[in-house]
Amino acid sequence: MASLFLLALYAGTSAVAAELRITLQDAQTGAPLEDAVVEVILPEQQQPMHLTTGEVSVDQQQKEFVANVTVITRGSRANFPNSDDILHHVYSFSPAKVFELPLYGSGQNIDYFQLFDQPGIVELGCNIHDWMLGYIYVAETNLAVKTDAMGQAVINDVPAGDYTVRIWHPRADLEAPGMTQQMTFSDAQPTRLQMALTLERDNRLRRAPNATRSSYR
């Protein structure tokens, strides 16, 4: 009887949709913060009602991953086309997904998809071009979004209630105050998240400006 009551409670709650409006800034410069991910964490019982999977592409253009940050829902698939006229070797050793795509060129592997069925951060690299770095944020549900060039984003269809909201950025300290917080959602008015994030220094390797061109580089 208790389990039936909980199921009815979750079903009734999910019928009332709320909205989260997000505005994020760089705390040091005041500039809009692009490529930050915000996710509303639902209880496990509610997650099946918010699982919309699909397929995305993470391209390789001018020796960079495009997009640098990609957000998908667990159970979705991604492929990694090569739009450069050189070879790439994509890999990840992240706990959420370990895979490797050995040397391949333009037009190859376009129909080869990887399944991402574990939530977490998947860090992408290229075994040839050390500076290439990208991220796939695998969300628990489809209630996750990436901020645009204005540092803004909107999450729709959030069930009314109190939930944990998680904020992530490649250069943010995930243990900093406010990166995980409790928020209340109601259909009466949008819930707003406005925050300035302190970013760590970007220590990525940079490509050599006059590197000798070859089929690999």
Protein backbone atom coordinates (compact mmCIF):
# COMPACT_ATOMS: atom_id res chain seq x y z
CA MET A 1 0.00 0.00 0.00
CA ALA A 2 2.82 2.40 0.86
CA SER A 3 4.53 1.79 -2.48
CA LEU A 4 1.26 2.43 -4.32
CA PHE A 5 0.85 5.69 -2.43
CA LEU A 6 4.37 6.80 -3.37
CA LEU A 7 3.78 5.92 -7.01
CA ALA A 8 0.57 7.96 -7.05
CA LEU A 9 2.32 10.84 -5.34
CA TYR A 10 5.11 10.94 -7.93
CA ALA A 11 2.64 10.65 -10.81
CA GLY A 12 0.58 13.51 -9.47
CA THR A 13 3.62 15.66 -8.85
CA SER A 14 5.06 15.13 -12.32
CA ALA A 15 1.86 16.38 -13.93
CA VAL A 16 2.63 19.90 -12.67
CA ALA A 17 5.48 21.31 -14.78
CA ALA A 18 7.82 24.06 -13.64
CA GLU A 19 10.61 25.97 -15.35
CA LEU A 20 14.20 26.77 -14.37
CA ARG A 21 15.76 29.89 -15.90
CA ILE A 22 19.53 30.02 -15.62
CA THR A 23 22.02 32.88 -15.86
CA LEU A 24 25.70 32.17 -15.11
CA GLN A 25 28.73 34.46 -15.12
CA ASP A 26 32.49 34.23 -14.77
CA ALA A 27 33.14 35.53 -11.25
CA GLN A 28 36.50 37.05 -12.20
CA THR A 29 35.51 38.90 -15.37
CA GLY A 30 31.75 39.25 -15.06
CA ALA A 31 31.41 37.84 -18.58
CA PRO A 32 28.60 35.41 -19.47
CA LEU A 33 29.66 31.83 -18.81
CA GLU A 34 29.20 29.56 -21.79
CA ASP A 35 29.33 25.74 -21.78
CA ALA A 36 28.28 25.30 -18.16
CA VAL A 37 25.88 22.42 -17.54
CA VAL A 38 22.96 22.60 -15.11
CA GLU A 39 21.03 19.46 -14.19
CA VAL A 40 17.97 18.94 -12.01
CA ILE A 41 18.47 15.66 -10.14
CA LEU A 42 15.23 13.72 -9.80
CA PRO A 43 14.54 10.88 -7.36
CA GLU A 44 15.04 7.49 -8.97
CA GLN A 45 11.30 6.79 -8.98
CA GLN A 46 10.62 9.83 -11.19
CA GLN A 47 13.47 9.39 -13.64
CA PRO A 48 11.76 6.99 -16.09
CA MET A 49 9.23 9.70 -16.94
CA HIS A 50 12.04 12.05 -17.99
CA LEU A 51 14.26 9.83 -20.12
CA THR A 52 14.39 11.01 -23.73
CA THR A 53 17.30 9.43 -25.55
CA GLY A 54 18.70 10.25 -28.96
CA GLU A 55 21.80 10.48 -31.11
CA VAL A 56 24.35 13.30 -31.28
CA SER A 57 27.55 13.98 -33.18
CA VAL A 58 30.77 15.35 -31.71
CA ASP A 59 32.69 16.55 -34.74
CA GLN A 60 36.40 17.20 -35.17
CA GLN A 61 37.09 20.47 -36.94
CA GLN A 62 40.43 22.27 -37.23
CA LYS A 63 41.88 19.88 -34.65
CA GLU A 64 39.26 20.65 -32.01
CA PHE A 65 36.18 18.85 -30.73
CA VAL A 66 32.98 20.59 -31.81
CA ALA A 67 31.13 21.10 -29.58
CA ASN A 68 33.60 21.33 -26.73
CA VAL A 69 30.83 20.36 -24.28
CA THR A 70 27.95 18.09 -25.28
CA VAL A 71 25.00 17.18 -23.05
CA ILE A 72 23.13 13.91 -23.56
CA THR A 73 20.74 11.77 -21.54
CA ARG A 74 21.96 8.37 -20.36
CA GLY A 75 21.01 5.74 -22.89
CA SER A 76 21.81 8.06 -25.79
CA ARG A 77 24.40 7.44 -28.49
CA ALA A 78 27.11 9.61 -30.00
CA ASN A 79 29.37 9.35 -33.02
CA PHE A 80 32.58 11.20 -33.75
CA PRO A 81 32.90 12.24 -37.40
CA ASN A 82 36.20 13.63 -38.64
CA SER A 83 35.76 16.78 -40.74
CA ASP A 84 39.51 17.42 -40.93
CA ASP A 85 41.72 16.28 -43.80
CA ILE A 86 44.02 14.54 -41.34
CA LEU A 87 43.72 11.47 -39.11
CA HIS A 88 42.37 11.50 -35.55
CA HIS A 89 42.40 8.91 -32.78
CA VAL A 90 39.58 9.57 -30.29
CA TYR A 91 39.55 7.96 -26.87
CA SER A 92 38.23 8.25 -23.32
CA PHE A 93 39.40 6.64 -20.10
CA SER A 94 36.64 8.18 -17.98
CA PRO A 95 34.81 5.89 -15.51
CA ALA A 96 31.47 6.74 -17.15
CA LYS A 97 32.70 5.51 -20.55
CA VAL A 98 35.91 3.89 -21.75
CA PHE A 99 36.33 3.59 -25.51
CA GLU A 100 38.82 4.08 -28.31
CA LEU A 101 38.48 4.88 -32.01
CA PRO A 102 41.86 4.17 -33.67
CA LEU A 103 43.22 6.23 -36.54
CA TYR A 104 40.54 7.29 -38.98
CA GLY A 105 40.07 10.05 -41.52
CA SER A 106 37.33 12.15 -43.05
CA GLY A 107 34.23 10.19 -44.01
CA GLN A 108 35.16 7.19 -41.86
CA ASN A 109 33.33 6.00 -38.72
CA ILE A 110 30.38 8.29 -39.44
CA ASP A 111 27.95 5.44 -38.79
CA TYR A 112 29.79 4.10 -35.76
CA PHE A 113 27.99 5.10 -32.55
CA GLN A 114 29.03 4.71 -28.94
CA LEU A 115 26.34 4.06 -26.31
CA PHE A 116 26.53 6.20 -23.17
CA ASP A 117 24.46 4.41 -20.55
CA GLN A 118 26.19 5.58 -17.36
CA PRO A 119 25.69 9.12 -16.00
CA GLY A 120 28.85 11.14 -15.46
CA ILE A 121 31.48 13.22 -17.21
CA VAL A 122 33.23 11.66 -20.21
CA GLU A 123 36.48 13.42 -21.08
CA LEU A 124 37.50 13.08 -24.72
CA GLY A 125 41.02 13.21 -26.09
CA CYS A 126 42.93 12.59 -29.30
CA ASN A 127 45.94 10.30 -29.13
CA ILE A 128 47.67 12.33 -31.86
CA HIS A 129 46.79 15.91 -30.97
CA ASP A 130 47.35 16.27 -27.24
CA TRP A 131 45.67 19.67 -26.97
CA MET A 132 42.32 18.33 -28.20
CA LEU A 133 39.96 18.06 -25.25
CA GLY A 134 36.20 17.70 -25.17
CA TYR A 135 33.50 16.64 -22.75
CA ILE A 136 30.28 14.69 -22.88
CA TYR A 137 28.03 15.29 -19.89
CA VAL A 138 25.83 12.22 -19.53
CA ALA A 139 22.80 13.34 -17.53
CA GLU A 140 20.56 11.07 -15.48
CA THR A 141 17.46 12.47 -17.24
CA ASN A 142 16.65 15.01 -19.93
CA LEU A 143 16.41 17.76 -17.28
CA ALA A 144 19.89 19.03 -18.11
CA VAL A 145 21.02 21.89 -20.31
CA LYS A 146 24.14 23.78 -21.42
CA THR A 147 24.44 27.56 -21.18
CA ASP A 148 24.74 29.53 -24.40
CA ALA A 149 27.07 32.40 -25.33
CA MET A 150 25.01 34.70 -23.10
CA GLY A 151 25.44 32.37 -20.14
CA GLN A 152 21.76 31.53 -20.21
CA ALA A 153 19.64 28.40 -20.50
CA VAL A 154 16.17 27.14 -19.64
CA ILE A 155 15.04 23.75 -18.35
CA ASN A 156 11.35 23.08 -18.99
CA ASP A 157 8.98 20.42 -17.67
CA VAL A 158 10.52 20.17 -14.21
CA PRO A 159 8.10 18.41 -11.84
CA ALA A 160 6.93 20.65 -9.02
CA GLY A 161 8.80 19.92 -5.79
CA ASP A 162 12.16 20.27 -4.07
CA TYR A 163 15.20 18.89 -5.91
CA THR A 164 18.96 19.01 -6.00
CA VAL A 165 20.40 21.15 -8.78
CA ARG A 166 23.92 20.39 -9.96
CA ILE A 167 26.17 22.85 -11.81
CA TRP A 168 29.22 21.73 -13.79
CA HIS A 169 31.86 23.45 -15.90
CA PRO A 170 35.18 22.03 -17.16
CA ARG A 171 37.15 24.63 -15.20
CA ALA A 172 34.96 25.01 -12.12
CA ASP A 173 35.69 23.62 -8.66
CA LEU A 174 32.88 21.13 -8.18
CA GLU A 175 33.31 21.33 -4.39
CA ALA A 176 32.80 25.09 -4.30
CA PRO A 177 29.71 26.41 -2.48
CA GLY A 178 26.61 26.50 -4.65
CA MET A 179 27.74 23.98 -7.24
CA THR A 180 25.16 21.62 -5.75
CA GLN A 181 22.12 23.17 -4.11
CA GLN A 182 18.51 22.51 -3.17
CA MET A 183 15.85 24.42 -5.08
CA THR A 184 12.07 24.56 -4.99
CA PHE A 185 10.04 24.34 -8.20
CA SER A 186 6.46 25.46 -8.67
CA ASP A 187 4.21 26.00 -11.67
CA ALA A 188 3.17 29.36 -10.20
CA GLN A 189 6.29 31.11 -11.49
CA PRO A 190 9.68 30.21 -12.99
CA THR A 191 12.50 29.28 -10.64
CA ARG A 192 15.63 31.35 -11.28
CA LEU A 193 19.26 30.36 -10.85
CA GLN A 194 21.71 33.27 -11.06
CA MET A 195 25.28 32.58 -10.06
CA ALA A 196 28.88 33.62 -10.69
CA LEU A 197 31.39 30.76 -10.93
CA THR A 198 35.07 31.02 -10.07
CA LEU A 199 37.03 29.22 -12.78
CA GLU A 200 40.39 27.55 -12.50
CA ARG A 201 43.17 28.38 -14.91
CA ASP A 202 43.03 26.60 -18.26
CA ASN A 203 46.13 24.39 -18.23
CA ARG A 204 45.50 22.61 -21.51
CA LEU A 205 48.39 21.98 -23.85
CA ARG A 206 48.34 24.34 -26.82
CA ARG A 207 49.12 23.43 -30.38
CA ALA A 208 52.38 24.61 -31.89
CA PRO A 209 51.58 27.64 -34.07
CA ASN A 210 53.89 26.55 -36.92
CA ALA A 211 53.63 22.80 -36.62
CA THR A 212 54.78 20.88 -39.68
CA ARG A 213 51.80 19.58 -41.60
CA SER A 214 51.47 15.85 -42.25
CA SER A 215 48.73 13.27 -42.65
CA TYR A 216 48.72 12.91 -38.86
CA ARG A 217 49.14 16.52 -37.73
